[in-house]
Amino acid sequence: MQPFPLRIDAVVFDSADDLQRIEWDDGPPWTLHVAIVNDAAESKYRVVATIDRDSETLPLESVEGTLPGILIARGRASRFDDGGRGSWLDALRANRSVEIPHADADRFRQALLRAPIANIELPEELGWTIVDIRPRPILSLQNQAWTSELSGQLDFVYDEWRVSSRSEEMQSTIGRKLIRRSRAFEDGFRSRLANLGVISTWDGYRVRQSQVEDVARKLSAEGWTIEIDSAQVRVANDFDVEISSGIDWFDLNVSASFDDMQVALPELLAAADGNRSLLRLSDGSFGIMPSSWMDSLAPALELGKREGNAVRFRPALSSKRTIASETPTAPNLASSTCSAGTTSW
């Protein structure tokens, strides 16, 4: 079959016998649906398919041929969405009916694992517990010695199954669970990366060094898992501020929590000095400080003098209340003391 030219009004389909004029149908696309049903009365499983759009249904015997994204039927060519199930349509058109005796159920079940069964209705009698869930995306980044860009791979976690976005495997079994991928969710995650300026390449993704913190912070807030050099990236989820007072001084101590990990003030100050919010945590993972916290902390730190693990303030420079008002956790005031001691926010 030779490729045919596509125009707004019609297409010409070149068959082996003669030229046949095919009108172009500019309506909505036809959609293919496939299901495997149990015919208990005949002790068989049957593969059935329907092609429909809006309120119309197209009989399979009316289909004259298909090309990627196009269906030809009744002398007209239309847009076509086979949902990755085109091979089932080919089998049904070639055989008219596909039936499997109940006695061959075990062999049929195993054969299904090698077939494209994403978004295909399956009967419970086949013994699989179907798992159709929203996947959790994982963006894994790797530093490269020869470039300032990080290479990236996008994976999806479905229940207990982690699969590469570039894998052609559309389902997996764990025990009696049949886990199926969702094209719609995965395409949405790919679009999100594109919206953030992440570069798609033939072998994965590329993220510029200057983008890493912004991309990691935004995606983490949306429920993504981010990894850098195989280590998880955590976003700070709590900020503790403690003020210790003496006769003529106040000490400000700040720590940030990353899940169950804590980072003390010296490390936060080093990050602030380097104008970076990505920290290496003690367990080998990475932590990201929200930029709003770093900005809120800067004015308070500029008022005092760094001494050991704290920042010391003299009353002549600032009051304790003024210092506290500069910190991002000031609204969470818990207690205060007038005499020398410790005050926590």
C-alpha atoms as a PDB file:
ATOM      1  CA  MET A   1       0.000   0.000   0.000  1.00  0.00           C
ATOM      2  CA  GLN A   2       1.440   3.335  -1.041  1.00  0.00           C
ATOM      3  CA  PRO A   3       1.110   6.400   1.207  1.00  0.00           C
ATOM      4  CA  PHE A   4      -1.823   8.574   0.231  1.00  0.00           C
ATOM      5  CA  PRO A   5      -1.998  12.371   0.129  1.00  0.00           C
ATOM      6  CA  LEU A   6      -4.301  13.943   2.735  1.00  0.00           C
ATOM      7  CA  ARG A   7      -6.292  17.060   1.857  1.00  0.00           C
ATOM      8  CA  ILE A   8      -9.004  18.999   3.654  1.00  0.00           C
ATOM      9  CA  ASP A   9     -11.810  17.646   1.438  1.00  0.00           C
ATOM     10  CA  ALA A  10     -10.749  14.113   0.546  1.00  0.00           C
ATOM     11  CA  VAL A  11      -8.037  11.481   0.427  1.00  0.00           C
ATOM     12  CA  VAL A  12      -7.132   9.089  -2.349  1.00  0.00           C
ATOM     13  CA  PHE A  13      -6.584   5.479  -1.304  1.00  0.00           C
ATOM     14  CA  ASP A  14      -4.387   3.446  -3.620  1.00  0.00           C
ATOM     15  CA  SER A  15      -5.441  -0.245  -3.438  1.00  0.00           C
ATOM     16  CA  ALA A  16      -3.945  -3.173  -5.283  1.00  0.00           C
ATOM     17  CA  ASP A  17      -6.797  -3.167  -7.829  1.00  0.00           C
ATOM     18  CA  ASP A  18      -7.748   0.402  -8.601  1.00  0.00           C
ATOM     19  CA  LEU A  19      -7.970   3.938  -7.320  1.00  0.00           C
ATOM     20  CA  GLN A  20     -10.884   4.610  -5.004  1.00  0.00           C
ATOM     21  CA  ARG A  21     -11.912   8.082  -3.941  1.00  0.00           C
ATOM     22  CA  ILE A  22     -12.272   8.340  -0.145  1.00  0.00           C
ATOM     23  CA  GLU A  23     -14.079  11.342   1.308  1.00  0.00           C
ATOM     24  CA  TRP A  24     -12.632  13.026   4.395  1.00  0.00           C
ATOM     25  CA  ASP A  25     -14.829  12.994   7.496  1.00  0.00           C
ATOM     26  CA  ASP A  26     -13.999  16.078   9.573  1.00  0.00           C
ATOM     27  CA  GLY A  27     -16.037  14.929  12.585  1.00  0.00           C
ATOM     28  CA  PRO A  28     -14.687  13.937  16.006  1.00  0.00           C
ATOM     29  CA  PRO A  29     -12.375  10.931  16.170  1.00  0.00           C
ATOM     30  CA  TRP A  30     -13.677   7.388  16.453  1.00  0.00           C
ATOM     31  CA  THR A  31     -12.518   5.575  19.615  1.00  0.00           C
ATOM     32  CA  LEU A  32     -11.799   1.868  19.916  1.00  0.00           C
ATOM     33  CA  HIS A  33     -12.928   0.003  23.049  1.00  0.00           C
ATOM     34  CA  VAL A  34     -11.985  -3.619  23.747  1.00  0.00           C
ATOM     35  CA  ALA A  35     -13.303  -5.960  26.429  1.00  0.00           C
ATOM     36  CA  ILE A  36     -12.964  -9.613  27.325  1.00  0.00           C
ATOM     37  CA  VAL A  37     -16.304 -11.009  28.499  1.00  0.00           C
ATOM     38  CA  ASN A  38     -17.279 -14.296  30.072  1.00  0.00           C
ATOM     39  CA  ASP A  39     -19.890 -16.242  28.142  1.00  0.00           C
ATOM     40  CA  ALA A  40     -20.865 -18.570  30.967  1.00  0.00           C
ATOM     41  CA  ALA A  41     -23.566 -20.306  28.930  1.00  0.00           C
ATOM     42  CA  GLU A  42     -21.021 -21.379  26.286  1.00  0.00           C
ATOM     43  CA  SER A  43     -18.128 -21.829  28.772  1.00  0.00           C
ATOM     44  CA  LYS A  44     -16.007 -19.428  26.755  1.00  0.00           C
ATOM     45  CA  TYR A  45     -14.324 -16.078  26.968  1.00  0.00           C
ATOM     46  CA  ARG A  46     -14.981 -13.748  24.041  1.00  0.00           C
ATOM     47  CA  VAL A  47     -12.996 -10.745  22.876  1.00  0.00           C
ATOM     48  CA  VAL A  48     -15.377  -7.994  21.821  1.00  0.00           C
ATOM     49  CA  ALA A  49     -14.699  -4.538  20.437  1.00  0.00           C
ATOM     50  CA  THR A  50     -16.714  -1.442  19.670  1.00  0.00           C
ATOM     51  CA  ILE A  51     -15.858   1.695  17.720  1.00  0.00           C
ATOM     52  CA  ASP A  52     -17.870   4.753  18.635  1.00  0.00           C
ATOM     53  CA  ARG A  53     -17.948   8.525  18.861  1.00  0.00           C
ATOM     54  CA  ASP A  54     -20.552  10.631  20.587  1.00  0.00           C
ATOM     55  CA  SER A  55     -23.801   8.664  20.037  1.00  0.00           C
ATOM     56  CA  GLU A  56     -22.616   6.803  16.918  1.00  0.00           C
ATOM     57  CA  THR A  57     -21.398   3.195  16.778  1.00  0.00           C
ATOM     58  CA  LEU A  58     -19.479   1.785  13.825  1.00  0.00           C
ATOM     59  CA  PRO A  59     -19.821  -1.982  13.097  1.00  0.00           C
ATOM     60  CA  LEU A  60     -16.438  -3.690  12.814  1.00  0.00           C
ATOM     61  CA  GLU A  61     -17.394  -5.184   9.448  1.00  0.00           C
ATOM     62  CA  SER A  62     -17.631  -1.637   8.081  1.00  0.00           C
ATOM     63  CA  VAL A  63     -13.937  -1.002   8.716  1.00  0.00           C
ATOM     64  CA  GLU A  64     -11.994  -1.106   5.452  1.00  0.00           C
ATOM     65  CA  GLY A  65      -8.571  -0.281   6.853  1.00  0.00           C
ATOM     66  CA  THR A  66      -6.603   1.734   9.364  1.00  0.00           C
ATOM     67  CA  LEU A  67      -3.497   3.849   9.338  1.00  0.00           C
ATOM     68  CA  PRO A  68      -1.878   5.591  12.319  1.00  0.00           C
ATOM     69  CA  GLY A  69      -4.531   7.978  13.594  1.00  0.00           C
ATOM     70  CA  ILE A  70      -6.895   7.311  10.678  1.00  0.00           C
ATOM     71  CA  LEU A  71      -9.775   4.881  10.142  1.00  0.00           C
ATOM     72  CA  ILE A  72     -11.294   4.151   6.715  1.00  0.00           C
ATOM     73  CA  ALA A  73     -14.873   2.915   6.645  1.00  0.00           C
ATOM     74  CA  ARG A  74     -17.885   3.286   4.339  1.00  0.00           C
ATOM     75  CA  GLY A  75     -15.846   5.204   1.821  1.00  0.00           C
ATOM     76  CA  ARG A  76     -14.752   7.859   4.316  1.00  0.00           C
ATOM     77  CA  ALA A  77     -11.543   8.512   6.236  1.00  0.00           C
ATOM     78  CA  SER A  78     -11.807   9.763   9.815  1.00  0.00           C
ATOM     79  CA  ARG A  79      -9.624  10.537  12.766  1.00  0.00           C
ATOM     80  CA  PHE A  80      -9.080   7.448  14.924  1.00  0.00           C
ATOM     81  CA  ASP A  81      -7.916   6.849  18.492  1.00  0.00           C
ATOM     82  CA  ASP A  82      -7.160   3.164  19.035  1.00  0.00           C
ATOM     83  CA  GLY A  83      -5.783   3.807  22.541  1.00  0.00           C
ATOM     84  CA  GLY A  84      -2.865   1.466  21.844  1.00  0.00           C
ATOM     85  CA  ARG A  85      -5.332  -1.375  21.203  1.00  0.00           C
ATOM     86  CA  GLY A  86      -4.989  -1.494  17.415  1.00  0.00           C
ATOM     87  CA  SER A  87      -3.573  -5.040  17.394  1.00  0.00           C
ATOM     88  CA  TRP A  88      -6.825  -6.313  18.956  1.00  0.00           C
ATOM     89  CA  LEU A  89      -8.799  -4.697  16.140  1.00  0.00           C
ATOM     90  CA  ASP A  90      -6.509  -6.330  13.573  1.00  0.00           C
ATOM     91  CA  ALA A  91      -7.091  -9.741  15.182  1.00  0.00           C
ATOM     92  CA  LEU A  92     -10.865  -9.305  15.246  1.00  0.00           C
ATOM     93  CA  ARG A  93     -11.008  -8.111  11.644  1.00  0.00           C
ATOM     94  CA  ALA A  94      -8.920 -11.095  10.549  1.00  0.00           C
ATOM     95  CA  ASN A  95     -10.854 -13.701  12.545  1.00  0.00           C
ATOM     96  CA  ARG A  96     -14.250 -12.023  12.992  1.00  0.00           C
ATOM     97  CA  SER A  97     -14.468 -13.583  16.462  1.00  0.00           C
ATOM     98  CA  VAL A  98     -11.924 -14.566  19.098  1.00  0.00           C
ATOM     99  CA  GLU A  99     -13.097 -17.167  21.628  1.00  0.00           C
ATOM    100  CA  ILE A 100     -11.203 -19.014  24.354  1.00  0.00           C
ATOM    101  CA  PRO A 101     -12.671 -22.076  26.117  1.00  0.00           C
ATOM    102  CA  HIS A 102     -12.789 -21.928  29.909  1.00  0.00           C
ATOM    103  CA  ALA A 103     -10.602 -25.047  29.918  1.00  0.00           C
ATOM    104  CA  ASP A 104      -7.764 -22.918  28.491  1.00  0.00           C
ATOM    105  CA  ALA A 105      -8.208 -20.122  31.052  1.00  0.00           C
ATOM    106  CA  ASP A 106      -4.748 -20.564  32.609  1.00  0.00           C
ATOM    107  CA  ARG A 107      -2.967 -20.418  29.267  1.00  0.00           C
ATOM    108  CA  PHE A 108      -5.118 -17.472  28.229  1.00  0.00           C
ATOM    109  CA  ARG A 109      -4.261 -15.631  31.437  1.00  0.00           C
ATOM    110  CA  GLN A 110      -0.552 -16.019  30.768  1.00  0.00           C
ATOM    111  CA  ALA A 111      -0.969 -14.987  27.132  1.00  0.00           C
ATOM    112  CA  LEU A 112      -2.722 -11.810  28.233  1.00  0.00           C
ATOM    113  CA  LEU A 113       0.434 -10.711  30.057  1.00  0.00           C
ATOM    114  CA  ARG A 114       2.209 -10.528  26.698  1.00  0.00           C
ATOM    115  CA  ALA A 115      -0.642  -8.622  25.050  1.00  0.00           C
ATOM    116  CA  PRO A 116      -1.445  -4.886  25.180  1.00  0.00           C
ATOM    117  CA  ILE A 117      -4.231  -4.916  27.777  1.00  0.00           C
ATOM    118  CA  ALA A 118      -3.988  -1.366  29.136  1.00  0.00           C
ATOM    119  CA  ASN A 119      -7.516   0.047  29.496  1.00  0.00           C
ATOM    120  CA  ILE A 120      -9.141  -3.231  28.429  1.00  0.00           C
ATOM    121  CA  GLU A 121     -11.992  -4.568  30.535  1.00  0.00           C
ATOM    122  CA  LEU A 122     -11.194  -7.973  32.018  1.00  0.00           C
ATOM    123  CA  PRO A 123     -13.539 -10.296  33.949  1.00  0.00           C
ATOM    124  CA  GLU A 124     -12.728 -11.108  37.563  1.00  0.00           C
ATOM    125  CA  GLU A 125     -12.919 -14.805  36.717  1.00  0.00           C
ATOM    126  CA  LEU A 126      -9.540 -14.611  35.042  1.00  0.00           C
ATOM    127  CA  GLY A 127      -8.068 -14.390  38.520  1.00  0.00           C
ATOM    128  CA  TRP A 128      -6.330 -11.012  38.386  1.00  0.00           C
ATOM    129  CA  THR A 129      -6.979  -8.173  40.758  1.00  0.00           C
ATOM    130  CA  ILE A 130      -6.810  -5.223  38.380  1.00  0.00           C
ATOM    131  CA  VAL A 131      -4.849  -2.245  39.707  1.00  0.00           C
ATOM    132  CA  ASP A 132      -5.611   0.972  37.822  1.00  0.00           C
ATOM    133  CA  ILE A 133      -4.220   3.819  39.919  1.00  0.00           C
ATOM    134  CA  ARG A 134      -2.616   7.230  39.553  1.00  0.00           C
ATOM    135  CA  PRO A 135       1.157   6.686  39.372  1.00  0.00           C
ATOM    136  CA  ARG A 136       3.670   8.601  41.476  1.00  0.00           C
ATOM    137  CA  PRO A 137       6.297  10.254  39.254  1.00  0.00           C
ATOM    138  CA  ILE A 138      10.004  10.079  40.119  1.00  0.00           C
ATOM    139  CA  LEU A 139      12.535  12.390  38.458  1.00  0.00           C
ATOM    140  CA  SER A 140      16.029  10.965  38.918  1.00  0.00           C
ATOM    141  CA  LEU A 141      18.861  13.407  38.176  1.00  0.00           C
ATOM    142  CA  GLN A 142      22.555  12.659  37.775  1.00  0.00           C
ATOM    143  CA  ASN A 143      25.434  15.150  37.852  1.00  0.00           C
ATOM    144  CA  GLN A 144      27.703  14.947  34.815  1.00  0.00           C
ATOM    145  CA  ALA A 145      31.392  15.844  35.129  1.00  0.00           C
ATOM    146  CA  TRP A 146      31.627  17.243  31.600  1.00  0.00           C
ATOM    147  CA  THR A 147      28.620  19.574  31.642  1.00  0.00           C
ATOM    148  CA  SER A 148      26.682  21.933  33.883  1.00  0.00           C
ATOM    149  CA  GLU A 149      23.476  20.096  32.990  1.00  0.00           C
ATOM    150  CA  LEU A 150      22.123  17.150  34.958  1.00  0.00           C
ATOM    151  CA  SER A 151      20.841  14.150  33.032  1.00  0.00           C
ATOM    152  CA  GLY A 152      17.432  12.897  34.075  1.00  0.00           C
ATOM    153  CA  GLN A 153      15.208   9.857  33.891  1.00  0.00           C
ATOM    154  CA  LEU A 154      11.461   9.844  34.504  1.00  0.00           C
ATOM    155  CA  ASP A 155      10.001   6.799  36.256  1.00  0.00           C
ATOM    156  CA  PHE A 156       6.496   6.003  37.435  1.00  0.00           C
ATOM    157  CA  VAL A 157       5.545   4.038  40.543  1.00  0.00           C
ATOM    158  CA  TYR A 158       2.337   2.063  40.314  1.00  0.00           C
ATOM    159  CA  ASP A 159       1.662   0.408  43.641  1.00  0.00           C
ATOM    160  CA  GLU A 160       4.801  -1.762  44.049  1.00  0.00           C
ATOM    161  CA  TRP A 161       5.914  -1.473  40.409  1.00  0.00           C
ATOM    162  CA  ARG A 162       8.482   1.120  39.299  1.00  0.00           C
ATOM    163  CA  VAL A 163       8.715   1.457  35.534  1.00  0.00           C
ATOM    164  CA  SER A 164      10.723   3.747  33.262  1.00  0.00           C
ATOM    165  CA  SER A 165       8.759   6.255  31.212  1.00  0.00           C
ATOM    166  CA  ARG A 166      10.618   4.955  28.158  1.00  0.00           C
ATOM    167  CA  SER A 167       9.702   1.313  28.775  1.00  0.00           C
ATOM    168  CA  GLU A 168       7.280  -0.307  26.342  1.00  0.00           C
ATOM    169  CA  GLU A 169       6.020  -2.612  29.094  1.00  0.00           C
ATOM    170  CA  MET A 170       2.403  -1.624  29.714  1.00  0.00           C
ATOM    171  CA  GLN A 171       1.523  -3.919  32.622  1.00  0.00           C
ATOM    172  CA  SER A 172       3.103  -6.086  35.273  1.00  0.00           C
ATOM    173  CA  THR A 173       2.006  -8.712  37.770  1.00  0.00           C
ATOM    174  CA  ILE A 174       2.879  -8.924  41.443  1.00  0.00           C
ATOM    175  CA  GLY A 175       1.332 -11.997  42.993  1.00  0.00           C
ATOM    176  CA  ARG A 176      -2.257 -12.001  41.732  1.00  0.00           C
ATOM    177  CA  LYS A 177      -2.270  -8.257  41.041  1.00  0.00           C
ATOM    178  CA  LEU A 178      -2.261  -7.047  37.471  1.00  0.00           C
ATOM    179  CA  ILE A 179      -0.935  -3.483  37.436  1.00  0.00           C
ATOM    180  CA  ARG A 180      -1.653  -1.419  34.336  1.00  0.00           C
ATOM    181  CA  ARG A 181      -0.085   1.856  33.246  1.00  0.00           C
ATOM    182  CA  SER A 182      -2.110   4.973  32.508  1.00  0.00           C
ATOM    183  CA  ARG A 183      -1.117   6.854  29.370  1.00  0.00           C
ATOM    184  CA  ALA A 184      -3.211   9.895  30.334  1.00  0.00           C
ATOM    185  CA  PHE A 185      -1.523  10.400  33.717  1.00  0.00           C
ATOM    186  CA  GLU A 186       1.953   9.790  32.310  1.00  0.00           C
ATOM    187  CA  ASP A 187       1.461  12.252  29.460  1.00  0.00           C
ATOM    188  CA  GLY A 188       0.327  14.840  32.015  1.00  0.00           C
ATOM    189  CA  PHE A 189       3.550  14.395  33.991  1.00  0.00           C
ATOM    190  CA  ARG A 190       5.644  14.717  30.824  1.00  0.00           C
ATOM    191  CA  SER A 191       3.811  17.939  29.979  1.00  0.00           C
ATOM    192  CA  ARG A 192       4.535  19.277  33.449  1.00  0.00           C
ATOM    193  CA  LEU A 193       8.275  18.811  32.923  1.00  0.00           C
ATOM    194  CA  ALA A 194       8.056  20.623  29.601  1.00  0.00           C
ATOM    195  CA  ASN A 195       6.192  23.506  31.270  1.00  0.00           C
ATOM    196  CA  LEU A 196       9.033  23.865  33.767  1.00  0.00           C
ATOM    197  CA  GLY A 197      11.627  24.104  31.006  1.00  0.00           C
ATOM    198  CA  VAL A 198      13.057  20.613  31.494  1.00  0.00           C
ATOM    199  CA  ILE A 199      14.617  19.539  28.184  1.00  0.00           C
ATOM    200  CA  SER A 200      13.439  16.256  26.652  1.00  0.00           C
ATOM    201  CA  THR A 201      16.123  14.291  24.781  1.00  0.00           C
ATOM    202  CA  TRP A 202      16.304  10.979  22.965  1.00  0.00           C
ATOM    203  CA  ASP A 203      17.665   9.246  26.063  1.00  0.00           C
ATOM    204  CA  GLY A 204      15.752  11.035  28.824  1.00  0.00           C
ATOM    205  CA  TYR A 205      15.879  14.598  30.095  1.00  0.00           C
ATOM    206  CA  ARG A 206      18.324  17.431  30.779  1.00  0.00           C
ATOM    207  CA  VAL A 207      18.041  19.975  33.598  1.00  0.00           C
ATOM    208  CA  ARG A 208      20.297  23.014  33.768  1.00  0.00           C
ATOM    209  CA  GLN A 209      22.124  23.465  37.073  1.00  0.00           C
ATOM    210  CA  SER A 210      20.423  26.834  37.582  1.00  0.00           C
ATOM    211  CA  GLN A 211      17.008  25.149  37.303  1.00  0.00           C
ATOM    212  CA  VAL A 212      17.511  22.290  39.730  1.00  0.00           C
ATOM    213  CA  GLU A 213      16.362  23.938  42.951  1.00  0.00           C
ATOM    214  CA  ASP A 214      13.295  25.565  41.398  1.00  0.00           C
ATOM    215  CA  VAL A 215      12.251  22.358  39.584  1.00  0.00           C
ATOM    216  CA  ALA A 216      12.817  20.192  42.669  1.00  0.00           C
ATOM    217  CA  ARG A 217      10.915  22.569  44.957  1.00  0.00           C
ATOM    218  CA  LYS A 218       7.879  22.875  42.681  1.00  0.00           C
ATOM    219  CA  LEU A 219       7.621  19.202  41.798  1.00  0.00           C
ATOM    220  CA  SER A 220       8.109  18.081  45.412  1.00  0.00           C
ATOM    221  CA  ALA A 221       5.206  20.319  46.419  1.00  0.00           C
ATOM    222  CA  GLU A 222       3.093  18.515  43.795  1.00  0.00           C
ATOM    223  CA  GLY A 223       3.851  15.051  45.182  1.00  0.00           C
ATOM    224  CA  TRP A 224       6.769  14.087  42.940  1.00  0.00           C
ATOM    225  CA  THR A 225       9.805  12.250  44.253  1.00  0.00           C
ATOM    226  CA  ILE A 226      13.076  13.896  43.211  1.00  0.00           C
ATOM    227  CA  GLU A 227      16.441  12.144  43.352  1.00  0.00           C
ATOM    228  CA  ILE A 228      19.919  13.543  42.730  1.00  0.00           C
ATOM    229  CA  ASP A 229      22.761  11.047  42.265  1.00  0.00           C
ATOM    230  CA  SER A 230      20.431   8.313  43.623  1.00  0.00           C
ATOM    231  CA  ALA A 231      19.773  10.301  46.832  1.00  0.00           C
ATOM    232  CA  GLN A 232      16.296  11.585  47.666  1.00  0.00           C
ATOM    233  CA  VAL A 233      15.630  15.316  47.756  1.00  0.00           C
ATOM    234  CA  ARG A 234      13.604  16.590  50.753  1.00  0.00           C
ATOM    235  CA  VAL A 235      11.940  19.973  51.130  1.00  0.00           C
ATOM    236  CA  ALA A 236      12.109  21.622  54.575  1.00  0.00           C
ATOM    237  CA  ASN A 237       8.749  21.252  56.316  1.00  0.00           C
ATOM    238  CA  ASP A 238       9.388  22.968  59.661  1.00  0.00           C
ATOM    239  CA  PHE A 239      11.416  25.858  61.024  1.00  0.00           C
ATOM    240  CA  ASP A 240      12.405  26.129  64.709  1.00  0.00           C
ATOM    241  CA  VAL A 241      13.564  29.449  66.166  1.00  0.00           C
ATOM    242  CA  GLU A 242      14.974  29.733  69.701  1.00  0.00           C
ATOM    243  CA  ILE A 243      16.149  32.909  71.422  1.00  0.00           C
ATOM    244  CA  SER A 244      18.347  32.693  74.524  1.00  0.00           C
ATOM    245  CA  SER A 245      18.648  35.903  76.525  1.00  0.00           C
ATOM    246  CA  GLY A 246      21.275  37.267  78.899  1.00  0.00           C
ATOM    247  CA  ILE A 247      21.794  40.561  80.708  1.00  0.00           C
ATOM    248  CA  ASP A 248      22.852  42.539  77.676  1.00  0.00           C
ATOM    249  CA  TRP A 249      22.508  40.137  74.753  1.00  0.00           C
ATOM    250  CA  PHE A 250      20.187  37.816  72.852  1.00  0.00           C
ATOM    251  CA  ASP A 251      21.247  34.670  70.987  1.00  0.00           C
ATOM    252  CA  LEU A 252      19.199  33.531  68.003  1.00  0.00           C
ATOM    253  CA  ASN A 253      19.345  29.856  67.071  1.00  0.00           C
ATOM    254  CA  VAL A 254      17.498  28.446  64.083  1.00  0.00           C
ATOM    255  CA  SER A 255      17.117  24.893  62.780  1.00  0.00           C
ATOM    256  CA  ALA A 256      15.217  23.458  59.831  1.00  0.00           C
ATOM    257  CA  SER A 257      13.508  20.064  59.685  1.00  0.00           C
ATOM    258  CA  PHE A 258      13.495  17.874  56.591  1.00  0.00           C
ATOM    259  CA  ASP A 259      11.101  15.086  57.521  1.00  0.00           C
ATOM    260  CA  ASP A 260      12.995  13.392  60.397  1.00  0.00           C
ATOM    261  CA  MET A 261      16.302  15.157  59.637  1.00  0.00           C
ATOM    262  CA  GLN A 262      17.351  18.447  61.271  1.00  0.00           C
ATOM    263  CA  VAL A 263      19.842  21.026  60.004  1.00  0.00           C
ATOM    264  CA  ALA A 264      21.381  23.453  62.489  1.00  0.00           C
ATOM    265  CA  LEU A 265      22.083  27.165  62.022  1.00  0.00           C
ATOM    266  CA  PRO A 266      25.761  26.870  60.929  1.00  0.00           C
ATOM    267  CA  GLU A 267      24.761  24.807  57.897  1.00  0.00           C
ATOM    268  CA  LEU A 268      21.900  27.186  57.122  1.00  0.00           C
ATOM    269  CA  LEU A 269      24.260  30.141  57.363  1.00  0.00           C
ATOM    270  CA  ALA A 270      26.759  28.454  55.041  1.00  0.00           C
ATOM    271  CA  ALA A 271      23.980  27.896  52.525  1.00  0.00           C
ATOM    272  CA  ALA A 272      22.860  31.519  52.854  1.00  0.00           C
ATOM    273  CA  ASP A 273      26.444  32.729  52.325  1.00  0.00           C
ATOM    274  CA  GLY A 274      26.669  30.658  49.169  1.00  0.00           C
ATOM    275  CA  ASN A 275      23.278  31.878  47.966  1.00  0.00           C
ATOM    276  CA  ARG A 276      22.047  28.299  47.679  1.00  0.00           C
ATOM    277  CA  SER A 277      19.119  26.451  49.159  1.00  0.00           C
ATOM    278  CA  LEU A 278      20.214  22.886  48.321  1.00  0.00           C
ATOM    279  CA  LEU A 279      21.927  21.190  51.279  1.00  0.00           C
ATOM    280  CA  ARG A 280      23.520  17.772  51.713  1.00  0.00           C
ATOM    281  CA  LEU A 281      21.942  16.105  54.752  1.00  0.00           C
ATOM    282  CA  SER A 282      23.681  13.751  57.163  1.00  0.00           C
ATOM    283  CA  ASP A 283      21.966  10.648  55.765  1.00  0.00           C
ATOM    284  CA  GLY A 284      23.250  11.417  52.262  1.00  0.00           C
ATOM    285  CA  SER A 285      19.988  12.838  50.956  1.00  0.00           C
ATOM    286  CA  PHE A 286      19.545  16.437  49.817  1.00  0.00           C
ATOM    287  CA  GLY A 287      17.452  19.123  51.498  1.00  0.00           C
ATOM    288  CA  ILE A 288      15.914  22.206  49.931  1.00  0.00           C
ATOM    289  CA  MET A 289      15.172  25.332  51.932  1.00  0.00           C
ATOM    290  CA  PRO A 290      12.096  27.238  50.726  1.00  0.00           C
ATOM    291  CA  SER A 291      13.278  30.527  49.251  1.00  0.00           C
ATOM    292  CA  SER A 292      10.713  32.441  51.326  1.00  0.00           C
ATOM    293  CA  TRP A 293      12.333  31.171  54.528  1.00  0.00           C
ATOM    294  CA  MET A 294      15.793  32.121  53.351  1.00  0.00           C
ATOM    295  CA  ASP A 295      14.542  35.609  52.458  1.00  0.00           C
ATOM    296  CA  SER A 296      12.792  35.971  55.825  1.00  0.00           C
ATOM    297  CA  LEU A 297      15.878  34.925  57.732  1.00  0.00           C
ATOM    298  CA  ALA A 298      18.291  37.276  55.984  1.00  0.00           C
ATOM    299  CA  PRO A 299      17.233  40.571  57.665  1.00  0.00           C
ATOM    300  CA  ALA A 300      17.431  39.086  61.148  1.00  0.00           C
ATOM    301  CA  LEU A 301      20.859  37.568  60.508  1.00  0.00           C
ATOM    302  CA  GLU A 302      22.208  40.870  59.243  1.00  0.00           C
ATOM    303  CA  LEU A 303      21.406  42.532  62.594  1.00  0.00           C
ATOM    304  CA  GLY A 304      23.586  40.265  64.710  1.00  0.00           C
ATOM    305  CA  LYS A 305      27.063  38.833  65.018  1.00  0.00           C
ATOM    306  CA  ARG A 306      27.685  35.143  64.483  1.00  0.00           C
ATOM    307  CA  GLU A 307      29.094  33.371  67.524  1.00  0.00           C
ATOM    308  CA  GLY A 308      29.418  29.584  67.449  1.00  0.00           C
ATOM    309  CA  ASN A 309      26.142  27.932  66.539  1.00  0.00           C
ATOM    310  CA  ALA A 310      24.064  31.087  67.095  1.00  0.00           C
ATOM    311  CA  VAL A 311      23.760  34.743  66.124  1.00  0.00           C
ATOM    312  CA  ARG A 312      24.210  37.222  69.012  1.00  0.00           C
ATOM    313  CA  PHE A 313      22.363  40.529  69.231  1.00  0.00           C
ATOM    314  CA  ARG A 314      22.987  43.486  71.536  1.00  0.00           C
ATOM    315  CA  PRO A 315      20.016  45.476  72.873  1.00  0.00           C
ATOM    316  CA  ALA A 316      21.443  48.632  71.344  1.00  0.00           C
ATOM    317  CA  LEU A 317      20.980  47.043  67.921  1.00  0.00           C
ATOM    318  CA  SER A 318      17.628  45.331  68.280  1.00  0.00           C
ATOM    319  CA  SER A 319      15.003  44.114  70.710  1.00  0.00           C
ATOM    320  CA  LYS A 320      14.111  40.453  71.064  1.00  0.00           C
ATOM    321  CA  ARG A 321      10.605  41.108  69.787  1.00  0.00           C
ATOM    322  CA  THR A 322      11.918  42.926  66.706  1.00  0.00           C
ATOM    323  CA  ILE A 323      14.297  40.094  65.944  1.00  0.00           C
ATOM    324  CA  ALA A 324      11.539  37.542  66.314  1.00  0.00           C
ATOM    325  CA  SER A 325       9.297  39.494  63.977  1.00  0.00           C
ATOM    326  CA  GLU A 326      11.869  39.065  61.239  1.00  0.00           C
ATOM    327  CA  THR A 327      11.763  35.271  61.434  1.00  0.00           C
ATOM    328  CA  PRO A 328       9.352  33.173  59.349  1.00  0.00           C
ATOM    329  CA  THR A 329       7.870  31.476  62.435  1.00  0.00           C
ATOM    330  CA  ALA A 330       7.032  34.576  64.440  1.00  0.00           C
ATOM    331  CA  PRO A 331       3.257  33.933  64.238  1.00  0.00           C
ATOM    332  CA  ASN A 332       3.815  30.645  66.091  1.00  0.00           C
ATOM    333  CA  LEU A 333       4.765  32.407  69.309  1.00  0.00           C
ATOM    334  CA  ALA A 334       4.670  29.869  72.123  1.00  0.00           C
ATOM    335  CA  SER A 335       6.107  31.625  75.173  1.00  0.00           C
ATOM    336  CA  SER A 336       8.412  34.374  76.317  1.00  0.00           C
ATOM    337  CA  THR A 337      10.310  35.268  79.499  1.00  0.00           C
ATOM    338  CA  CYS A 338      11.411  38.640  80.752  1.00  0.00           C
ATOM    339  CA  SER A 339      14.360  37.438  82.789  1.00  0.00           C
ATOM    340  CA  ALA A 340      17.511  35.908  81.423  1.00  0.00           C
ATOM    341  CA  GLY A 341      16.812  32.510  79.969  1.00  0.00           C
ATOM    342  CA  THR A 342      15.447  30.921  76.819  1.00  0.00           C
ATOM    343  CA  THR A 343      12.496  31.908  74.690  1.00  0.00           C
ATOM    344  CA  SER A 344      11.206  29.667  71.925  1.00  0.00           C
ATOM    345  CA  TRP A 345       9.139  30.399  68.855  1.00  0.00           C
END
